[in-house]
Amino acid sequence: MAAERRRERVEVGGLVAFARFVVCGGGVGVAASFAVAALAAWLPQVPWVLVNALVTVVSTLLATELHARFTFGAGGHATWRQHVQSAGSAAAAYAVTCSAVLVLHQVVARPGAVTEQAVYLSASALAGVARFAVLRLVVFARTRSGAAAAARPLNVTVARASIAAADPAGLCRAA
């Protein structure tokens, strides 16, 4: 019974979901930024772009699980479809962060670690807002069948049967 409760989807409001997204995704993002900086310093022979790609893959898997379980109330593990869709939005975020840092390196010959982190985190924040929208509206969206069922009009046959029962003489029948 407890397992059934954990797997139930819970309706999460937009502001609550965004706050949870910031905590989960932001926490993973900040940890990922430090991991990128540490790995890039530890492995100077490996290009920064590849280090960022590796950290992005790992952090995306972790964040998708957190978002499925906590942020959007999906009720359990993320499905493969959700992982793939989340990876698509993460690939776009990866392109944004890489582009921002590569532009920084074109503008500033030797940027310091603090400047590089500021640019990386700023680009990550902008990409994160876009990812929130994609994850909420596409990846972890409620199925439309539940919403469609709730919006269906009343069955006309039931209404006619009620009229027929209330009018046994047939006075209300159409000609």
C-alpha atoms as a PDB file:
ATOM      1  CA  MET A   1       0.000   0.000   0.000  1.00  0.00           C
ATOM      2  CA  ALA A   2       2.856   2.379   0.790  1.00  0.00           C
ATOM      3  CA  ALA A   3       4.428   1.549  -2.573  1.00  0.00           C
ATOM      4  CA  GLU A   4       1.151   2.425  -4.296  1.00  0.00           C
ATOM      5  CA  ARG A   5       1.053   5.818  -2.575  1.00  0.00           C
ATOM      6  CA  ARG A   6       4.619   6.585  -3.622  1.00  0.00           C
ATOM      7  CA  ARG A   7       3.825   5.846  -7.262  1.00  0.00           C
ATOM      8  CA  GLU A   8       0.757   8.048  -7.409  1.00  0.00           C
ATOM      9  CA  ARG A   9       1.152  11.241  -9.362  1.00  0.00           C
ATOM     10  CA  VAL A  10       0.714  14.263  -7.161  1.00  0.00           C
ATOM     11  CA  GLU A  11      -0.545  17.533  -8.591  1.00  0.00           C
ATOM     12  CA  VAL A  12       2.209  20.118  -8.095  1.00  0.00           C
ATOM     13  CA  GLY A  13       1.503  23.806  -8.663  1.00  0.00           C
ATOM     14  CA  GLY A  14       3.702  25.936 -10.902  1.00  0.00           C
ATOM     15  CA  LEU A  15       5.400  27.955  -8.172  1.00  0.00           C
ATOM     16  CA  VAL A  16       6.026  24.907  -5.995  1.00  0.00           C
ATOM     17  CA  ALA A  17       7.386  22.992  -8.992  1.00  0.00           C
ATOM     18  CA  PHE A  18       9.660  25.907  -9.908  1.00  0.00           C
ATOM     19  CA  ALA A  19      10.969  26.170  -6.345  1.00  0.00           C
ATOM     20  CA  ARG A  20      11.662  22.441  -6.300  1.00  0.00           C
ATOM     21  CA  PHE A  21      13.258  22.684  -9.744  1.00  0.00           C
ATOM     22  CA  VAL A  22      15.584  25.419  -8.502  1.00  0.00           C
ATOM     23  CA  VAL A  23      16.561  23.398  -5.444  1.00  0.00           C
ATOM     24  CA  CYS A  24      17.032  20.060  -7.258  1.00  0.00           C
ATOM     25  CA  GLY A  25      18.231  21.268 -10.646  1.00  0.00           C
ATOM     26  CA  GLY A  26      20.125  24.208  -9.214  1.00  0.00           C
ATOM     27  CA  GLY A  27      21.821  22.042  -6.621  1.00  0.00           C
ATOM     28  CA  VAL A  28      22.858  19.518  -9.247  1.00  0.00           C
ATOM     29  CA  GLY A  29      23.906  22.383 -11.542  1.00  0.00           C
ATOM     30  CA  VAL A  30      26.114  24.026  -8.934  1.00  0.00           C
ATOM     31  CA  ALA A  31      27.694  20.673  -8.070  1.00  0.00           C
ATOM     32  CA  ALA A  32      28.205  20.035 -11.789  1.00  0.00           C
ATOM     33  CA  SER A  33      29.897  23.402 -12.260  1.00  0.00           C
ATOM     34  CA  PHE A  34      32.394  22.585  -9.517  1.00  0.00           C
ATOM     35  CA  ALA A  35      32.874  19.108 -10.980  1.00  0.00           C
ATOM     36  CA  VAL A  36      33.608  20.611 -14.414  1.00  0.00           C
ATOM     37  CA  ALA A  37      36.136  23.041 -12.921  1.00  0.00           C
ATOM     38  CA  ALA A  38      37.799  20.315 -10.824  1.00  0.00           C
ATOM     39  CA  LEU A  39      37.976  17.788 -13.668  1.00  0.00           C
ATOM     40  CA  ALA A  40      39.247  20.406 -16.124  1.00  0.00           C
ATOM     41  CA  ALA A  41      42.033  21.325 -13.678  1.00  0.00           C
ATOM     42  CA  TRP A  42      42.798  17.670 -12.882  1.00  0.00           C
ATOM     43  CA  LEU A  43      42.798  16.613 -16.553  1.00  0.00           C
ATOM     44  CA  PRO A  44      44.301  19.606 -18.425  1.00  0.00           C
ATOM     45  CA  GLN A  45      45.020  17.443 -21.484  1.00  0.00           C
ATOM     46  CA  VAL A  46      41.278  16.793 -21.946  1.00  0.00           C
ATOM     47  CA  PRO A  47      39.394  19.619 -23.709  1.00  0.00           C
ATOM     48  CA  TRP A  48      37.008  21.560 -21.484  1.00  0.00           C
ATOM     49  CA  VAL A  49      34.116  20.807 -23.865  1.00  0.00           C
ATOM     50  CA  LEU A  50      34.531  17.048 -23.325  1.00  0.00           C
ATOM     51  CA  VAL A  51      34.768  17.445 -19.558  1.00  0.00           C
ATOM     52  CA  ASN A  52      31.578  19.514 -19.631  1.00  0.00           C
ATOM     53  CA  ALA A  53      29.887  16.848 -21.799  1.00  0.00           C
ATOM     54  CA  LEU A  54      30.737  14.072 -19.348  1.00  0.00           C
ATOM     55  CA  VAL A  55      29.542  16.040 -16.331  1.00  0.00           C
ATOM     56  CA  THR A  56      26.403  17.103 -18.224  1.00  0.00           C
ATOM     57  CA  VAL A  57      25.451  13.482 -18.971  1.00  0.00           C
ATOM     58  CA  VAL A  58      25.880  12.381 -15.353  1.00  0.00           C
ATOM     59  CA  SER A  59      24.160  15.434 -13.893  1.00  0.00           C
ATOM     60  CA  THR A  60      21.253  15.140 -16.357  1.00  0.00           C
ATOM     61  CA  LEU A  61      20.577  11.548 -15.316  1.00  0.00           C
ATOM     62  CA  LEU A  62      20.634  12.544 -11.658  1.00  0.00           C
ATOM     63  CA  ALA A  63      18.498  15.657 -12.136  1.00  0.00           C
ATOM     64  CA  THR A  64      15.896  13.813 -14.240  1.00  0.00           C
ATOM     65  CA  GLU A  65      15.463  11.247 -11.466  1.00  0.00           C
ATOM     66  CA  LEU A  66      15.113  14.021  -8.876  1.00  0.00           C
ATOM     67  CA  HIS A  67      12.604  15.888 -11.050  1.00  0.00           C
ATOM     68  CA  ALA A  68      10.538  12.737 -11.628  1.00  0.00           C
ATOM     69  CA  ARG A  69      10.439  11.832  -7.948  1.00  0.00           C
ATOM     70  CA  PHE A  70      10.229  15.240  -6.318  1.00  0.00           C
ATOM     71  CA  THR A  71       9.920  18.293  -8.552  1.00  0.00           C
ATOM     72  CA  PHE A  72       6.984  17.385 -10.797  1.00  0.00           C
ATOM     73  CA  GLY A  73       5.344  14.653  -8.701  1.00  0.00           C
ATOM     74  CA  ALA A  74       5.560  12.003 -11.418  1.00  0.00           C
ATOM     75  CA  GLY A  75       5.359   9.253  -8.808  1.00  0.00           C
ATOM     76  CA  GLY A  76       8.536   7.188  -9.036  1.00  0.00           C
ATOM     77  CA  HIS A  77      11.475   6.620 -11.305  1.00  0.00           C
ATOM     78  CA  ALA A  78      11.774   8.564 -14.546  1.00  0.00           C
ATOM     79  CA  THR A  79      10.876   6.512 -17.598  1.00  0.00           C
ATOM     80  CA  TRP A  80      13.252   6.017 -20.527  1.00  0.00           C
ATOM     81  CA  ARG A  81      11.080   8.407 -22.570  1.00  0.00           C
ATOM     82  CA  GLN A  82      11.461  11.071 -19.889  1.00  0.00           C
ATOM     83  CA  HIS A  83      15.219  10.517 -19.738  1.00  0.00           C
ATOM     84  CA  VAL A  84      15.502  10.871 -23.521  1.00  0.00           C
ATOM     85  CA  GLN A  85      13.345  14.000 -23.629  1.00  0.00           C
ATOM     86  CA  SER A  86      15.209  15.500 -20.696  1.00  0.00           C
ATOM     87  CA  ALA A  87      18.489  14.707 -22.453  1.00  0.00           C
ATOM     88  CA  GLY A  88      17.293  16.743 -25.434  1.00  0.00           C
ATOM     89  CA  SER A  89      16.704  19.786 -23.271  1.00  0.00           C
ATOM     90  CA  ALA A  90      20.038  19.169 -21.529  1.00  0.00           C
ATOM     91  CA  ALA A  91      21.789  19.047 -24.912  1.00  0.00           C
ATOM     92  CA  ALA A  92      20.419  22.492 -25.667  1.00  0.00           C
ATOM     93  CA  ALA A  93      21.570  23.719 -22.239  1.00  0.00           C
ATOM     94  CA  TYR A  94      24.985  22.161 -22.885  1.00  0.00           C
ATOM     95  CA  ALA A  95      25.243  24.066 -26.169  1.00  0.00           C
ATOM     96  CA  VAL A  96      24.353  27.316 -24.386  1.00  0.00           C
ATOM     97  CA  THR A  97      26.908  26.832 -21.585  1.00  0.00           C
ATOM     98  CA  CYS A  98      29.656  25.753 -23.986  1.00  0.00           C
ATOM     99  CA  SER A  99      28.974  28.681 -26.281  1.00  0.00           C
ATOM    100  CA  ALA A 100      29.037  31.141 -23.391  1.00  0.00           C
ATOM    101  CA  VAL A 101      32.381  29.863 -22.090  1.00  0.00           C
ATOM    102  CA  LEU A 102      33.888  29.642 -25.578  1.00  0.00           C
ATOM    103  CA  VAL A 103      32.815  33.240 -26.275  1.00  0.00           C
ATOM    104  CA  LEU A 104      34.356  34.248 -22.945  1.00  0.00           C
ATOM    105  CA  HIS A 105      37.658  32.658 -24.017  1.00  0.00           C
ATOM    106  CA  GLN A 106      37.496  34.568 -27.314  1.00  0.00           C
ATOM    107  CA  VAL A 107      36.897  37.876 -25.538  1.00  0.00           C
ATOM    108  CA  VAL A 108      39.255  37.387 -22.569  1.00  0.00           C
ATOM    109  CA  ALA A 109      42.611  35.700 -23.221  1.00  0.00           C
ATOM    110  CA  ARG A 110      42.994  34.086 -19.785  1.00  0.00           C
ATOM    111  CA  PRO A 111      39.805  34.484 -17.719  1.00  0.00           C
ATOM    112  CA  GLY A 112      40.072  33.639 -14.059  1.00  0.00           C
ATOM    113  CA  ALA A 113      38.205  30.750 -12.475  1.00  0.00           C
ATOM    114  CA  VAL A 114      35.715  33.108 -10.829  1.00  0.00           C
ATOM    115  CA  THR A 115      34.901  34.830 -14.140  1.00  0.00           C
ATOM    116  CA  GLU A 116      34.581  31.500 -15.923  1.00  0.00           C
ATOM    117  CA  GLN A 117      32.287  30.187 -13.179  1.00  0.00           C
ATOM    118  CA  ALA A 118      30.167  33.349 -13.292  1.00  0.00           C
ATOM    119  CA  VAL A 119      29.705  33.041 -17.063  1.00  0.00           C
ATOM    120  CA  TYR A 120      29.021  29.294 -16.818  1.00  0.00           C
ATOM    121  CA  LEU A 121      26.475  29.682 -14.001  1.00  0.00           C
ATOM    122  CA  SER A 122      24.753  32.627 -15.708  1.00  0.00           C
ATOM    123  CA  ALA A 123      24.377  30.641 -18.926  1.00  0.00           C
ATOM    124  CA  SER A 124      23.193  27.648 -16.884  1.00  0.00           C
ATOM    125  CA  ALA A 125      20.560  29.769 -15.135  1.00  0.00           C
ATOM    126  CA  LEU A 126      19.154  31.057 -18.440  1.00  0.00           C
ATOM    127  CA  ALA A 127      19.154  27.567 -19.906  1.00  0.00           C
ATOM    128  CA  GLY A 128      17.594  26.274 -16.692  1.00  0.00           C
ATOM    129  CA  VAL A 129      14.546  28.514 -17.004  1.00  0.00           C
ATOM    130  CA  ALA A 130      13.990  27.201 -20.526  1.00  0.00           C
ATOM    131  CA  ARG A 131      14.520  23.618 -19.319  1.00  0.00           C
ATOM    132  CA  PHE A 132      11.917  24.108 -16.584  1.00  0.00           C
ATOM    133  CA  ALA A 133       9.333  25.069 -19.185  1.00  0.00           C
ATOM    134  CA  VAL A 134      10.197  22.087 -21.393  1.00  0.00           C
ATOM    135  CA  LEU A 135      10.222  19.623 -18.510  1.00  0.00           C
ATOM    136  CA  ARG A 136       6.952  20.887 -17.031  1.00  0.00           C
ATOM    137  CA  LEU A 137       5.051  21.291 -20.305  1.00  0.00           C
ATOM    138  CA  VAL A 138       6.420  18.328 -22.258  1.00  0.00           C
ATOM    139  CA  VAL A 139       8.502  15.789 -20.367  1.00  0.00           C
ATOM    140  CA  PHE A 140       6.506  15.512 -17.128  1.00  0.00           C
ATOM    141  CA  ALA A 141       3.187  16.868 -18.427  1.00  0.00           C
ATOM    142  CA  ARG A 142      -0.015  15.172 -17.369  1.00  0.00           C
ATOM    143  CA  THR A 143      -1.656  13.012 -20.010  1.00  0.00           C
ATOM    144  CA  ARG A 144      -4.280  14.810 -22.008  1.00  0.00           C
ATOM    145  CA  SER A 145      -6.758  11.910 -21.692  1.00  0.00           C
ATOM    146  CA  GLY A 146      -7.391  12.712 -18.005  1.00  0.00           C
ATOM    147  CA  ALA A 147      -8.006  16.374 -18.770  1.00  0.00           C
ATOM    148  CA  ALA A 148     -10.159  15.506 -21.784  1.00  0.00           C
ATOM    149  CA  ALA A 149     -12.309  13.133 -19.711  1.00  0.00           C
ATOM    150  CA  ALA A 150     -12.916  15.847 -17.133  1.00  0.00           C
ATOM    151  CA  ALA A 151     -13.927  18.336 -19.827  1.00  0.00           C
ATOM    152  CA  ARG A 152     -16.416  16.057 -21.685  1.00  0.00           C
ATOM    153  CA  PRO A 153     -19.992  17.321 -21.920  1.00  0.00           C
ATOM    154  CA  LEU A 154     -22.813  15.449 -20.195  1.00  0.00           C
ATOM    155  CA  ASN A 155     -24.235  12.514 -22.081  1.00  0.00           C
ATOM    156  CA  VAL A 156     -27.383  13.686 -23.882  1.00  0.00           C
ATOM    157  CA  THR A 157     -28.994  10.228 -23.646  1.00  0.00           C
ATOM    158  CA  VAL A 158     -29.026  10.461 -19.858  1.00  0.00           C
ATOM    159  CA  ALA A 159     -30.708  13.848 -20.027  1.00  0.00           C
ATOM    160  CA  ARG A 160     -33.396  12.530 -22.436  1.00  0.00           C
ATOM    161  CA  ALA A 161     -34.078   9.527 -20.194  1.00  0.00           C
ATOM    162  CA  SER A 162     -34.588  11.871 -17.253  1.00  0.00           C
ATOM    163  CA  ILE A 163     -37.081  13.958 -19.220  1.00  0.00           C
ATOM    164  CA  ALA A 164     -38.939  10.855 -20.369  1.00  0.00           C
ATOM    165  CA  ALA A 165     -39.241   9.605 -16.820  1.00  0.00           C
ATOM    166  CA  ALA A 166     -40.521  12.969 -15.621  1.00  0.00           C
ATOM    167  CA  ASP A 167     -43.007  13.291 -18.526  1.00  0.00           C
ATOM    168  CA  PRO A 168     -44.796   9.932 -18.873  1.00  0.00           C
ATOM    169  CA  ALA A 169     -47.592  11.474 -21.010  1.00  0.00           C
ATOM    170  CA  GLY A 170     -45.033  12.557 -23.606  1.00  0.00           C
ATOM    171  CA  LEU A 171     -45.990  16.238 -23.603  1.00  0.00           C
ATOM    172  CA  CYS A 172     -42.366  17.422 -23.892  1.00  0.00           C
ATOM    173  CA  ARG A 173     -41.486  15.348 -26.972  1.00  0.00           C
ATOM    174  CA  ALA A 174     -40.327  17.135 -30.056  1.00  0.00           C
ATOM    175  CA  ALA A 175     -42.601  16.933 -33.084  1.00  0.00           C
END
